[in-house]
Amino acid sequence: MDTITAVQTEPYGRQSVGRKLCILTILAALFSLLGWVAETVLFLIKRGHFVDRGLLTLPFCPMYGLSMLAVYAVLRTPQTGIWVKIAALPKTRAGKFAAVATCVLLYAAAAALLASLFEYITGAFYDNKFGVRLWNYRNKENNIHGYVCLKYTLVWGALSVAAMGLVWHPLQNVLARAKTAVLVTSAVLLFTAISADFVFNMIYLFTQDTRFLPW
């Protein structure tokens, strides 16, 4: 069985549309949680105290989950889509290595641009609409209006390759083996909780003209 055929027969590739939507919902929520944890730990180390990250009350930063979902929608994972086809073209070992390296670099560059675009739009929307700065890169070099900067664009690229290749892709196939009832229940609960949290905080912003801070 060749590489392309093997990828096509992975568990996730054989799922129905409904099960795929549930899996993607769970993955987006998981990456939102991981993003919140990473930022919280980072700021705890840098500032020595807890810093409330993101807009939601629950421990989720949807920026991460939605950014990775956008990356997946356009680029798929490094092990699937056009990337595996390009990597399979060369016949020599050296050629395959060069093809894989090229694919990784192109994937990182494209993912960095997509994630940064999403970051810019989100940051600009909340700043211009509500006067809320979810993040500020004005003190960083090569920033655009403080919403994105070159340093974190490069970080987005590196993290996207690692996250999509080492975490997202394997978990897709793990979740694909779960029972439908488990997938649907998990996806509905996560989507409902995050959506309700988002709606509550948006209403609070509209009515109180400030973020809701429970502590």
N, C-alpha and C. Protein backbone atom coordinates (compact mmCIF):
# COMPACT_ATOMS: atom_id res chain seq x y z
N MET A 1 0.84 -1.19 0.00
CA MET A 1 0.00 0.00 0.00
C MET A 1 0.88 1.25 0.00
N ASP A 2 0.69 2.16 -0.95
CA ASP A 2 1.54 3.35 -1.00
C ASP A 2 1.11 4.36 0.05
N THR A 3 1.93 5.43 0.19
CA THR A 3 1.70 6.42 1.24
C THR A 3 0.34 7.09 1.10
N ILE A 4 0.00 7.51 -0.12
CA ILE A 4 -1.25 8.24 -0.33
C ILE A 4 -2.45 7.35 0.00
N THR A 5 -2.41 6.09 -0.42
CA THR A 5 -3.51 5.18 -0.13
C THR A 5 -3.64 4.95 1.36
N ALA A 6 -2.50 4.82 2.04
CA ALA A 6 -2.50 4.59 3.48
C ALA A 6 -3.16 5.75 4.21
N VAL A 7 -2.85 6.98 3.79
CA VAL A 7 -3.44 8.16 4.41
C VAL A 7 -4.94 8.18 4.19
N GLN A 8 -5.37 7.82 2.98
CA GLN A 8 -6.79 7.84 2.66
C GLN A 8 -7.58 6.83 3.49
N THR A 9 -6.93 5.75 3.96
CA THR A 9 -7.64 4.72 4.70
C THR A 9 -7.46 4.87 6.21
N GLU A 10 -6.92 6.00 6.67
CA GLU A 10 -6.84 6.25 8.10
C GLU A 10 -8.25 6.34 8.67
N PRO A 11 -8.41 6.02 9.96
CA PRO A 11 -9.76 6.02 10.57
C PRO A 11 -10.54 7.30 10.34
N TYR A 12 -9.90 8.48 10.48
CA TYR A 12 -10.64 9.73 10.33
C TYR A 12 -11.17 9.88 8.91
N GLY A 13 -10.41 9.44 7.91
CA GLY A 13 -10.84 9.59 6.53
C GLY A 13 -12.07 8.79 6.18
N ARG A 14 -12.39 7.80 7.01
CA ARG A 14 -13.55 6.94 6.72
C ARG A 14 -14.79 7.36 7.50
N GLN A 15 -14.72 8.49 8.21
CA GLN A 15 -15.84 8.92 9.05
C GLN A 15 -16.93 9.61 8.23
N SER A 16 -18.14 9.57 8.78
CA SER A 16 -19.25 10.31 8.17
C SER A 16 -19.05 11.80 8.43
N VAL A 17 -19.78 12.63 7.72
CA VAL A 17 -19.67 14.09 7.90
C VAL A 17 -20.01 14.48 9.33
N GLY A 18 -21.06 13.88 9.88
CA GLY A 18 -21.48 14.21 11.24
C GLY A 18 -20.41 13.89 12.27
N ARG A 19 -19.79 12.72 12.14
CA ARG A 19 -18.74 12.33 13.09
C ARG A 19 -17.51 13.23 12.92
N LYS A 20 -17.21 13.60 11.68
CA LYS A 20 -16.07 14.49 11.46
C LYS A 20 -16.30 15.84 12.13
N LEU A 21 -17.52 16.37 12.03
CA LEU A 21 -17.84 17.65 12.67
C LEU A 21 -17.67 17.56 14.17
N CYS A 22 -18.08 16.44 14.75
CA CYS A 22 -17.92 16.24 16.19
C CYS A 22 -16.45 16.19 16.57
N ILE A 23 -15.66 15.48 15.79
CA ILE A 23 -14.23 15.36 16.06
C ILE A 23 -13.55 16.72 15.96
N LEU A 24 -13.88 17.48 14.93
CA LEU A 24 -13.28 18.81 14.76
C LEU A 24 -13.69 19.76 15.88
N THR A 25 -14.93 19.64 16.35
CA THR A 25 -15.39 20.47 17.46
C THR A 25 -14.59 20.16 18.73
N ILE A 26 -14.40 18.88 18.99
CA ILE A 26 -13.63 18.46 20.17
C ILE A 26 -12.19 18.93 20.08
N LEU A 27 -11.59 18.79 18.90
CA LEU A 27 -10.20 19.20 18.71
C LEU A 27 -10.05 20.71 18.88
N ALA A 28 -10.98 21.48 18.33
CA ALA A 28 -10.91 22.93 18.46
C ALA A 28 -11.03 23.34 19.93
N ALA A 29 -11.92 22.68 20.67
CA ALA A 29 -12.07 22.97 22.10
C ALA A 29 -10.81 22.59 22.87
N LEU A 30 -10.23 21.45 22.52
CA LEU A 30 -9.01 20.99 23.19
C LEU A 30 -7.87 21.98 22.98
N PHE A 31 -7.70 22.45 21.75
CA PHE A 31 -6.62 23.39 21.47
C PHE A 31 -6.90 24.75 22.11
N SER A 32 -8.17 25.10 22.26
CA SER A 32 -8.52 26.33 22.98
C SER A 32 -8.11 26.21 24.45
N LEU A 33 -8.32 25.04 25.02
CA LEU A 33 -7.92 24.79 26.41
C LEU A 33 -6.41 24.79 26.54
N LEU A 34 -5.72 24.11 25.64
CA LEU A 34 -4.26 24.06 25.69
C LEU A 34 -3.66 25.46 25.53
N GLY A 35 -4.27 26.27 24.66
CA GLY A 35 -3.80 27.64 24.48
C GLY A 35 -3.95 28.45 25.74
N TRP A 36 -5.10 28.29 26.43
CA TRP A 36 -5.32 29.00 27.69
C TRP A 36 -4.31 28.59 28.74
N VAL A 37 -4.06 27.28 28.85
CA VAL A 37 -3.10 26.77 29.83
C VAL A 37 -1.70 27.30 29.54
N ALA A 38 -1.29 27.25 28.26
CA ALA A 38 0.05 27.71 27.87
C ALA A 38 0.23 29.19 28.20
N GLU A 39 -0.76 30.00 27.85
CA GLU A 39 -0.64 31.45 28.11
C GLU A 39 -0.66 31.74 29.61
N THR A 40 -1.49 31.04 30.34
CA THR A 40 -1.59 31.26 31.78
C THR A 40 -0.26 30.92 32.46
N VAL A 41 0.31 29.79 32.10
CA VAL A 41 1.60 29.38 32.68
C VAL A 41 2.70 30.36 32.30
N LEU A 42 2.70 30.79 31.04
CA LEU A 42 3.71 31.73 30.57
C LEU A 42 3.66 33.05 31.35
N PHE A 43 2.46 33.58 31.52
CA PHE A 43 2.32 34.85 32.24
C PHE A 43 2.57 34.67 33.74
N LEU A 44 2.27 33.49 34.25
CA LEU A 44 2.55 33.21 35.65
C LEU A 44 4.05 33.22 35.90
N ILE A 45 4.80 32.67 34.95
CA ILE A 45 6.27 32.65 35.06
C ILE A 45 6.84 34.05 34.88
N LYS A 46 6.32 34.79 33.89
CA LYS A 46 6.86 36.12 33.58
C LYS A 46 6.51 37.15 34.63
N ARG A 47 5.29 37.12 35.16
CA ARG A 47 4.82 38.17 36.06
C ARG A 47 4.70 37.73 37.52
N GLY A 48 4.74 36.42 37.72
CA GLY A 48 4.70 35.93 39.09
C GLY A 48 3.32 35.87 39.71
N HIS A 49 2.28 36.11 38.91
CA HIS A 49 0.91 36.03 39.42
C HIS A 49 -0.03 35.67 38.28
N PHE A 50 -1.24 35.24 38.65
CA PHE A 50 -2.22 34.82 37.66
C PHE A 50 -2.71 36.01 36.84
N VAL A 51 -2.76 35.83 35.53
CA VAL A 51 -3.28 36.85 34.62
C VAL A 51 -4.43 36.22 33.82
N ASP A 52 -5.59 36.84 33.89
CA ASP A 52 -6.75 36.32 33.16
C ASP A 52 -6.53 36.49 31.67
N ARG A 53 -6.46 35.38 30.94
CA ARG A 53 -6.18 35.44 29.51
C ARG A 53 -7.44 35.19 28.70
N GLY A 54 -7.59 35.92 27.63
CA GLY A 54 -8.72 35.70 26.75
C GLY A 54 -9.96 36.43 27.21
N LEU A 55 -11.04 36.22 26.48
CA LEU A 55 -12.30 36.91 26.74
C LEU A 55 -13.26 36.09 27.59
N LEU A 56 -13.18 34.76 27.47
CA LEU A 56 -14.15 33.90 28.12
C LEU A 56 -13.89 33.75 29.61
N THR A 57 -14.94 33.34 30.34
CA THR A 57 -14.82 33.06 31.76
C THR A 57 -14.25 31.67 32.00
N LEU A 58 -14.66 30.72 31.17
CA LEU A 58 -14.13 29.37 31.25
C LEU A 58 -12.68 29.35 30.76
N PRO A 59 -11.90 28.33 31.13
CA PRO A 59 -10.49 28.26 30.74
C PRO A 59 -10.29 27.85 29.28
N PHE A 60 -10.74 28.71 28.37
CA PHE A 60 -10.57 28.46 26.94
C PHE A 60 -10.14 29.75 26.26
N CYS A 61 -9.19 29.64 25.34
CA CYS A 61 -8.83 30.75 24.45
C CYS A 61 -9.18 30.30 23.03
N PRO A 62 -10.40 30.60 22.57
CA PRO A 62 -10.83 30.13 21.25
C PRO A 62 -9.93 30.56 20.11
N MET A 63 -9.13 31.61 20.31
CA MET A 63 -8.18 32.04 19.29
C MET A 63 -7.34 30.86 18.80
N TYR A 64 -6.89 30.04 19.74
CA TYR A 64 -6.04 28.91 19.38
C TYR A 64 -6.82 27.83 18.65
N GLY A 65 -7.96 27.46 19.19
CA GLY A 65 -8.74 26.41 18.57
C GLY A 65 -9.25 26.80 17.19
N LEU A 66 -9.75 28.04 17.06
CA LEU A 66 -10.28 28.49 15.77
C LEU A 66 -9.16 28.70 14.76
N SER A 67 -8.00 29.16 15.22
CA SER A 67 -6.87 29.34 14.30
C SER A 67 -6.43 28.00 13.74
N MET A 68 -6.33 26.99 14.60
CA MET A 68 -5.93 25.66 14.13
C MET A 68 -7.01 25.04 13.24
N LEU A 69 -8.26 25.37 13.53
CA LEU A 69 -9.36 24.89 12.68
C LEU A 69 -9.26 25.52 11.30
N ALA A 70 -8.91 26.82 11.25
CA ALA A 70 -8.73 27.50 9.97
C ALA A 70 -7.55 26.91 9.21
N VAL A 71 -6.47 26.65 9.93
CA VAL A 71 -5.29 26.03 9.30
C VAL A 71 -5.66 24.67 8.73
N TYR A 72 -6.42 23.89 9.50
CA TYR A 72 -6.81 22.57 9.03
C TYR A 72 -7.73 22.67 7.81
N ALA A 73 -8.65 23.63 7.83
CA ALA A 73 -9.60 23.78 6.73
C ALA A 73 -8.89 24.10 5.42
N VAL A 74 -7.82 24.89 5.50
CA VAL A 74 -7.11 25.30 4.28
C VAL A 74 -5.97 24.37 3.93
N LEU A 75 -5.21 23.94 4.94
CA LEU A 75 -3.97 23.20 4.68
C LEU A 75 -4.02 21.73 5.05
N ARG A 76 -5.08 21.31 5.76
CA ARG A 76 -5.13 19.97 6.34
C ARG A 76 -3.94 19.79 7.30
N THR A 77 -3.45 18.56 7.48
CA THR A 77 -2.30 18.35 8.36
C THR A 77 -1.07 18.06 7.51
N PRO A 78 0.14 18.14 8.09
CA PRO A 78 1.34 17.88 7.30
C PRO A 78 1.38 16.46 6.72
N GLN A 79 0.59 15.54 7.29
CA GLN A 79 0.59 14.15 6.81
C GLN A 79 -0.50 13.86 5.79
N THR A 80 -1.28 14.88 5.42
CA THR A 80 -2.40 14.63 4.51
C THR A 80 -2.46 15.68 3.41
N GLY A 81 -3.44 15.53 2.54
CA GLY A 81 -3.65 16.53 1.49
C GLY A 81 -2.51 16.61 0.50
N ILE A 82 -2.28 17.80 0.00
CA ILE A 82 -1.28 18.02 -1.04
C ILE A 82 0.13 17.73 -0.55
N TRP A 83 0.35 17.84 0.77
CA TRP A 83 1.69 17.67 1.33
C TRP A 83 2.19 16.24 1.16
N VAL A 84 1.34 15.27 1.42
CA VAL A 84 1.77 13.88 1.28
C VAL A 84 1.97 13.53 -0.18
N LYS A 85 1.22 14.18 -1.07
CA LYS A 85 1.38 13.92 -2.50
C LYS A 85 2.71 14.46 -3.00
N ILE A 86 3.07 15.67 -2.54
CA ILE A 86 4.35 16.26 -2.94
C ILE A 86 5.51 15.43 -2.39
N ALA A 87 5.39 15.02 -1.14
CA ALA A 87 6.47 14.25 -0.50
C ALA A 87 6.69 12.91 -1.19
N ALA A 88 5.64 12.38 -1.83
CA ALA A 88 5.75 11.07 -2.47
C ALA A 88 6.30 11.15 -3.89
N LEU A 89 6.47 12.35 -4.44
CA LEU A 89 6.92 12.49 -5.83
C LEU A 89 8.35 12.01 -6.08
N PRO A 90 9.35 12.45 -5.29
CA PRO A 90 10.74 12.03 -5.56
C PRO A 90 10.91 10.52 -5.37
N LYS A 91 11.86 9.97 -6.10
CA LYS A 91 12.11 8.53 -6.02
C LYS A 91 13.33 8.19 -5.18
N THR A 92 14.23 9.16 -4.99
CA THR A 92 15.44 8.90 -4.21
C THR A 92 15.24 9.33 -2.76
N ARG A 93 16.09 8.78 -1.86
CA ARG A 93 15.99 9.14 -0.45
C ARG A 93 16.28 10.61 -0.23
N ALA A 94 17.31 11.10 -0.92
CA ALA A 94 17.67 12.52 -0.78
C ALA A 94 16.55 13.41 -1.31
N GLY A 95 15.95 12.99 -2.41
CA GLY A 95 14.86 13.76 -2.98
C GLY A 95 13.65 13.81 -2.07
N LYS A 96 13.34 12.68 -1.44
CA LYS A 96 12.22 12.62 -0.52
C LYS A 96 12.47 13.50 0.70
N PHE A 97 13.72 13.48 1.21
CA PHE A 97 14.06 14.32 2.36
C PHE A 97 13.88 15.79 2.02
N ALA A 98 14.35 16.18 0.83
CA ALA A 98 14.23 17.57 0.40
C ALA A 98 12.76 17.95 0.22
N ALA A 99 11.97 17.03 -0.31
CA ALA A 99 10.55 17.30 -0.53
C ALA A 99 9.82 17.47 0.79
N VAL A 100 10.12 16.60 1.75
CA VAL A 100 9.49 16.69 3.07
C VAL A 100 9.87 18.00 3.76
N ALA A 101 11.17 18.35 3.70
CA ALA A 101 11.64 19.59 4.33
C ALA A 101 10.96 20.81 3.70
N THR A 102 10.82 20.78 2.38
CA THR A 102 10.16 21.87 1.68
C THR A 102 8.69 21.99 2.08
N CYS A 103 8.03 20.83 2.19
CA CYS A 103 6.62 20.82 2.58
C CYS A 103 6.44 21.39 3.99
N VAL A 104 7.33 21.02 4.89
CA VAL A 104 7.24 21.50 6.27
C VAL A 104 7.41 23.02 6.32
N LEU A 105 8.39 23.53 5.58
CA LEU A 105 8.63 24.98 5.56
C LEU A 105 7.45 25.73 4.93
N LEU A 106 6.92 25.20 3.83
CA LEU A 106 5.78 25.84 3.18
C LEU A 106 4.54 25.79 4.07
N TYR A 107 4.35 24.65 4.73
CA TYR A 107 3.22 24.50 5.64
C TYR A 107 3.32 25.51 6.78
N ALA A 108 4.52 25.63 7.35
CA ALA A 108 4.74 26.56 8.46
C ALA A 108 4.47 27.99 8.03
N ALA A 109 4.96 28.36 6.84
CA ALA A 109 4.77 29.73 6.34
C ALA A 109 3.29 30.03 6.10
N ALA A 110 2.60 29.10 5.45
CA ALA A 110 1.18 29.31 5.16
C ALA A 110 0.36 29.34 6.44
N ALA A 111 0.67 28.43 7.38
CA ALA A 111 -0.06 28.39 8.65
C ALA A 111 0.18 29.66 9.45
N ALA A 112 1.42 30.16 9.42
CA ALA A 112 1.75 31.39 10.16
C ALA A 112 0.94 32.57 9.62
N LEU A 113 0.82 32.66 8.31
CA LEU A 113 0.06 33.76 7.70
C LEU A 113 -1.42 33.65 8.03
N LEU A 114 -1.97 32.44 7.96
CA LEU A 114 -3.39 32.24 8.27
C LEU A 114 -3.69 32.57 9.72
N ALA A 115 -2.88 32.05 10.63
CA ALA A 115 -3.11 32.28 12.05
C ALA A 115 -2.95 33.76 12.41
N SER A 116 -1.95 34.41 11.80
CA SER A 116 -1.72 35.83 12.08
C SER A 116 -2.84 36.69 11.53
N LEU A 117 -3.37 36.31 10.37
CA LEU A 117 -4.51 37.03 9.80
C LEU A 117 -5.71 36.93 10.74
N PHE A 118 -5.96 35.73 11.23
CA PHE A 118 -7.06 35.51 12.17
C PHE A 118 -6.82 36.30 13.45
N GLU A 119 -5.58 36.33 13.91
CA GLU A 119 -5.22 37.06 15.12
C GLU A 119 -5.43 38.57 14.93
N TYR A 120 -5.03 39.08 13.77
CA TYR A 120 -5.18 40.51 13.48
C TYR A 120 -6.66 40.90 13.45
N ILE A 121 -7.46 40.14 12.73
CA ILE A 121 -8.88 40.45 12.60
C ILE A 121 -9.57 40.44 13.96
N THR A 122 -9.28 39.42 14.75
CA THR A 122 -9.89 39.31 16.08
C THR A 122 -9.46 40.45 16.99
N GLY A 123 -8.14 40.71 17.04
CA GLY A 123 -7.64 41.78 17.90
C GLY A 123 -8.17 43.14 17.51
N ALA A 124 -8.22 43.41 16.21
CA ALA A 124 -8.70 44.70 15.72
C ALA A 124 -10.20 44.86 15.98
N PHE A 125 -10.96 43.78 15.83
CA PHE A 125 -12.41 43.84 16.05
C PHE A 125 -12.73 44.24 17.48
N TYR A 126 -12.15 43.54 18.45
CA TYR A 126 -12.46 43.82 19.85
C TYR A 126 -11.92 45.18 20.29
N ASP A 127 -10.79 45.57 19.74
CA ASP A 127 -10.23 46.87 20.10
C ASP A 127 -11.08 48.02 19.54
N ASN A 128 -11.43 47.94 18.26
CA ASN A 128 -12.18 49.01 17.61
C ASN A 128 -13.66 49.03 18.02
N LYS A 129 -14.22 47.86 18.25
CA LYS A 129 -15.64 47.77 18.57
C LYS A 129 -15.92 48.03 20.04
N PHE A 130 -15.07 47.48 20.92
CA PHE A 130 -15.34 47.55 22.36
C PHE A 130 -14.26 48.26 23.16
N GLY A 131 -13.16 48.60 22.51
CA GLY A 131 -12.07 49.22 23.24
C GLY A 131 -11.35 48.25 24.15
N VAL A 132 -11.44 46.95 23.83
CA VAL A 132 -10.81 45.90 24.64
C VAL A 132 -9.59 45.37 23.90
N ARG A 133 -8.43 45.49 24.54
CA ARG A 133 -7.19 44.96 23.97
C ARG A 133 -6.96 43.56 24.54
N LEU A 134 -7.24 42.54 23.73
CA LEU A 134 -7.02 41.18 24.19
C LEU A 134 -5.53 40.86 24.27
N TRP A 135 -4.72 41.53 23.45
CA TRP A 135 -3.26 41.44 23.50
C TRP A 135 -2.70 42.68 22.84
N ASN A 136 -1.43 42.96 23.12
CA ASN A 136 -0.82 44.17 22.59
C ASN A 136 0.66 43.93 22.30
N TYR A 137 1.03 44.01 21.03
CA TYR A 137 2.41 43.78 20.62
C TYR A 137 3.13 45.08 20.24
N ARG A 138 2.63 46.20 20.71
CA ARG A 138 3.24 47.48 20.32
C ARG A 138 4.69 47.62 20.78
N ASN A 139 5.05 46.90 21.83
CA ASN A 139 6.43 46.96 22.30
C ASN A 139 7.34 45.97 21.60
N LYS A 140 6.79 45.22 20.64
CA LYS A 140 7.57 44.26 19.87
C LYS A 140 7.98 44.87 18.53
N GLU A 141 9.12 44.43 18.02
CA GLU A 141 9.58 44.91 16.72
C GLU A 141 8.72 44.32 15.59
N ASN A 142 8.64 45.07 14.50
CA ASN A 142 7.93 44.61 13.30
C ASN A 142 6.48 44.20 13.60
N ASN A 143 5.77 45.07 14.34
CA ASN A 143 4.37 44.78 14.63
C ASN A 143 3.47 45.60 13.70
N ILE A 144 2.25 45.13 13.53
CA ILE A 144 1.27 45.84 12.72
C ILE A 144 0.12 46.24 13.64
N HIS A 145 0.09 47.53 13.98
CA HIS A 145 -0.94 48.11 14.85
C HIS A 145 -1.02 47.42 16.22
N GLY A 146 0.02 46.69 16.57
CA GLY A 146 0.04 46.03 17.87
C GLY A 146 -0.76 44.74 17.93
N TYR A 147 -1.40 44.36 16.83
CA TYR A 147 -2.23 43.15 16.82
C TYR A 147 -1.43 41.90 16.43
N VAL A 148 -0.45 42.08 15.57
CA VAL A 148 0.42 40.97 15.18
C VAL A 148 1.85 41.50 15.12
N CYS A 149 2.81 40.59 15.22
CA CYS A 149 4.21 40.99 15.07
C CYS A 149 4.97 39.81 14.48
N LEU A 150 6.13 40.11 13.91
CA LEU A 150 6.90 39.09 13.21
C LEU A 150 7.29 37.95 14.14
N LYS A 151 7.70 38.28 15.35
CA LYS A 151 8.15 37.25 16.30
C LYS A 151 7.08 36.19 16.52
N TYR A 152 5.86 36.63 16.81
CA TYR A 152 4.80 35.68 17.09
C TYR A 152 4.21 35.06 15.83
N THR A 153 4.38 35.72 14.70
CA THR A 153 4.00 35.08 13.44
C THR A 153 4.88 33.86 13.19
N LEU A 154 6.18 34.00 13.45
CA LEU A 154 7.10 32.87 13.32
C LEU A 154 6.76 31.77 14.33
N VAL A 155 6.40 32.19 15.54
CA VAL A 155 6.01 31.22 16.56
C VAL A 155 4.76 30.45 16.12
N TRP A 156 3.79 31.19 15.54
CA TRP A 156 2.58 30.54 15.02
C TRP A 156 2.93 29.47 14.00
N GLY A 157 3.89 29.77 13.13
CA GLY A 157 4.27 28.82 12.10
C GLY A 157 4.86 27.55 12.69
N ALA A 158 5.79 27.72 13.63
CA ALA A 158 6.43 26.56 14.26
C ALA A 158 5.42 25.75 15.07
N LEU A 159 4.59 26.44 15.84
CA LEU A 159 3.59 25.75 16.66
C LEU A 159 2.57 25.02 15.80
N SER A 160 2.21 25.62 14.68
CA SER A 160 1.21 25.00 13.80
C SER A 160 1.70 23.67 13.25
N VAL A 161 2.96 23.64 12.81
CA VAL A 161 3.52 22.39 12.29
C VAL A 161 3.53 21.32 13.37
N ALA A 162 4.02 21.70 14.57
CA ALA A 162 4.11 20.75 15.67
C ALA A 162 2.72 20.31 16.13
N ALA A 163 1.83 21.28 16.31
CA ALA A 163 0.50 20.97 16.82
C ALA A 163 -0.30 20.12 15.84
N MET A 164 -0.30 20.52 14.57
CA MET A 164 -1.10 19.80 13.58
C MET A 164 -0.51 18.43 13.25
N GLY A 165 0.82 18.35 13.25
CA GLY A 165 1.46 17.08 12.90
C GLY A 165 1.56 16.10 14.05
N LEU A 166 1.84 16.62 15.26
CA LEU A 166 2.11 15.74 16.40
C LEU A 166 0.92 15.54 17.33
N VAL A 167 -0.04 16.46 17.31
CA VAL A 167 -1.17 16.35 18.23
C VAL A 167 -2.50 16.20 17.48
N TRP A 168 -2.79 17.17 16.61
CA TRP A 168 -4.09 17.17 15.90
C TRP A 168 -4.27 15.90 15.07
N HIS A 169 -3.30 15.59 14.23
CA HIS A 169 -3.43 14.45 13.32
C HIS A 169 -3.61 13.12 14.06
N PRO A 170 -2.76 12.79 15.06
CA PRO A 170 -2.97 11.54 15.79
C PRO A 170 -4.30 11.49 16.54
N LEU A 171 -4.67 12.63 17.16
CA LEU A 171 -5.92 12.64 17.91
C LEU A 171 -7.14 12.47 17.02
N GLN A 172 -7.06 12.97 15.79
CA GLN A 172 -8.16 12.75 14.84
C GLN A 172 -8.47 11.27 14.72
N ASN A 173 -7.41 10.48 14.57
CA ASN A 173 -7.59 9.05 14.37
C ASN A 173 -7.97 8.33 15.66
N VAL A 174 -7.52 8.86 16.80
CA VAL A 174 -7.93 8.28 18.08
C VAL A 174 -9.43 8.53 18.31
N LEU A 175 -9.85 9.77 18.09
CA LEU A 175 -11.26 10.12 18.28
C LEU A 175 -12.15 9.40 17.27
N ALA A 176 -11.60 9.11 16.10
CA ALA A 176 -12.38 8.42 15.07
C ALA A 176 -12.78 7.01 15.51
N ARG A 177 -12.07 6.47 16.49
CA ARG A 177 -12.38 5.12 16.98
C ARG A 177 -13.39 5.14 18.13
N ALA A 178 -13.74 6.33 18.60
CA ALA A 178 -14.68 6.45 19.72
C ALA A 178 -16.11 6.15 19.26
N LYS A 179 -16.94 5.78 20.21
CA LYS A 179 -18.34 5.52 19.89
C LYS A 179 -19.05 6.82 19.53
N THR A 180 -20.02 6.72 18.66
CA THR A 180 -20.74 7.91 18.20
C THR A 180 -21.38 8.66 19.36
N ALA A 181 -21.95 7.94 20.31
CA ALA A 181 -22.61 8.58 21.45
C ALA A 181 -21.61 9.42 22.25
N VAL A 182 -20.40 8.90 22.41
CA VAL A 182 -19.36 9.63 23.15
C VAL A 182 -18.95 10.88 22.39
N LEU A 183 -18.75 10.75 21.08
CA LEU A 183 -18.36 11.89 20.27
C LEU A 183 -19.43 12.98 20.28
N VAL A 184 -20.67 12.60 20.04
CA VAL A 184 -21.76 13.58 19.96
C VAL A 184 -21.95 14.27 21.30
N THR A 185 -21.98 13.50 22.38
CA THR A 185 -22.18 14.08 23.72
C THR A 185 -21.06 15.06 24.06
N SER A 186 -19.82 14.65 23.82
CA SER A 186 -18.66 15.50 24.13
C SER A 186 -18.69 16.78 23.30
N ALA A 187 -18.94 16.63 22.00
CA ALA A 187 -18.95 17.79 21.11
C ALA A 187 -20.07 18.77 21.48
N VAL A 188 -21.26 18.25 21.77
CA VAL A 188 -22.39 19.11 22.11
C VAL A 188 -22.14 19.84 23.42
N LEU A 189 -21.63 19.14 24.43
CA LEU A 189 -21.36 19.76 25.73
C LEU A 189 -20.30 20.86 25.61
N LEU A 190 -19.22 20.58 24.89
CA LEU A 190 -18.15 21.56 24.73
C LEU A 190 -18.63 22.76 23.93
N PHE A 191 -19.32 22.51 22.82
CA PHE A 191 -19.82 23.60 21.98
C PHE A 191 -20.82 24.47 22.75
N THR A 192 -21.71 23.82 23.50
CA THR A 192 -22.72 24.55 24.25
C THR A 192 -22.08 25.41 25.34
N ALA A 193 -21.13 24.83 26.08
CA ALA A 193 -20.47 25.55 27.17
C ALA A 193 -19.70 26.76 26.66
N ILE A 194 -18.91 26.55 25.61
CA ILE A 194 -18.10 27.65 25.07
C ILE A 194 -18.98 28.71 24.42
N SER A 195 -20.02 28.27 23.70
CA SER A 195 -20.92 29.23 23.05
C SER A 195 -21.67 30.06 24.07
N ALA A 196 -22.16 29.41 25.12
CA ALA A 196 -22.90 30.13 26.17
C ALA A 196 -21.98 31.12 26.87
N ASP A 197 -20.75 30.71 27.13
CA ASP A 197 -19.77 31.59 27.75
C ASP A 197 -19.50 32.80 26.85
N PHE A 198 -19.35 32.55 25.56
CA PHE A 198 -19.09 33.62 24.61
C PHE A 198 -20.27 34.60 24.55
N VAL A 199 -21.48 34.08 24.45
CA VAL A 199 -22.67 34.93 24.38
C VAL A 199 -22.80 35.77 25.65
N PHE A 200 -22.60 35.14 26.80
CA PHE A 200 -22.68 35.88 28.06
C PHE A 200 -21.69 37.03 28.10
N ASN A 201 -20.45 36.76 27.72
CA ASN A 201 -19.42 37.80 27.77
C ASN A 201 -19.64 38.88 26.73
N MET A 202 -20.19 38.53 25.58
CA MET A 202 -20.50 39.54 24.58
C MET A 202 -21.63 40.45 25.06
N ILE A 203 -22.66 39.86 25.68
CA ILE A 203 -23.75 40.66 26.23
C ILE A 203 -23.22 41.58 27.33
N TYR A 204 -22.33 41.06 28.16
CA TYR A 204 -21.75 41.86 29.23
C TYR A 204 -20.95 43.03 28.65
N LEU A 205 -20.21 42.76 27.58
CA LEU A 205 -19.46 43.83 26.92
C LEU A 205 -20.39 44.91 26.38
N PHE A 206 -21.47 44.48 25.74
CA PHE A 206 -22.42 45.43 25.15
C PHE A 206 -23.10 46.29 26.22
N THR A 207 -23.48 45.64 27.32
CA THR A 207 -24.26 46.35 28.34
C THR A 207 -23.41 47.11 29.35
N GLN A 208 -22.23 46.56 29.69
CA GLN A 208 -21.39 47.18 30.71
C GLN A 208 -20.19 47.92 30.14
N ASP A 209 -19.95 47.74 28.85
CA ASP A 209 -18.83 48.40 28.18
C ASP A 209 -17.48 48.04 28.80
N THR A 210 -17.40 46.84 29.33
CA THR A 210 -16.13 46.34 29.88
C THR A 210 -16.19 44.83 29.95
N ARG A 211 -15.07 44.20 30.14
CA ARG A 211 -15.01 42.74 30.26
C ARG A 211 -15.56 42.29 31.60
N PHE A 212 -16.12 41.07 31.61
CA PHE A 212 -16.55 40.47 32.86
C PHE A 212 -15.35 39.79 33.51
N LEU A 213 -15.02 40.20 34.72
CA LEU A 213 -13.90 39.62 35.46
C LEU A 213 -14.44 39.02 36.76
N PRO A 214 -14.48 37.69 36.85
CA PRO A 214 -15.07 37.04 38.03
C PRO A 214 -14.20 37.12 39.27
N TRP A 215 -12.94 37.58 39.12
CA TRP A 215 -12.06 37.69 40.28
C TRP A 215 -11.27 38.97 40.24
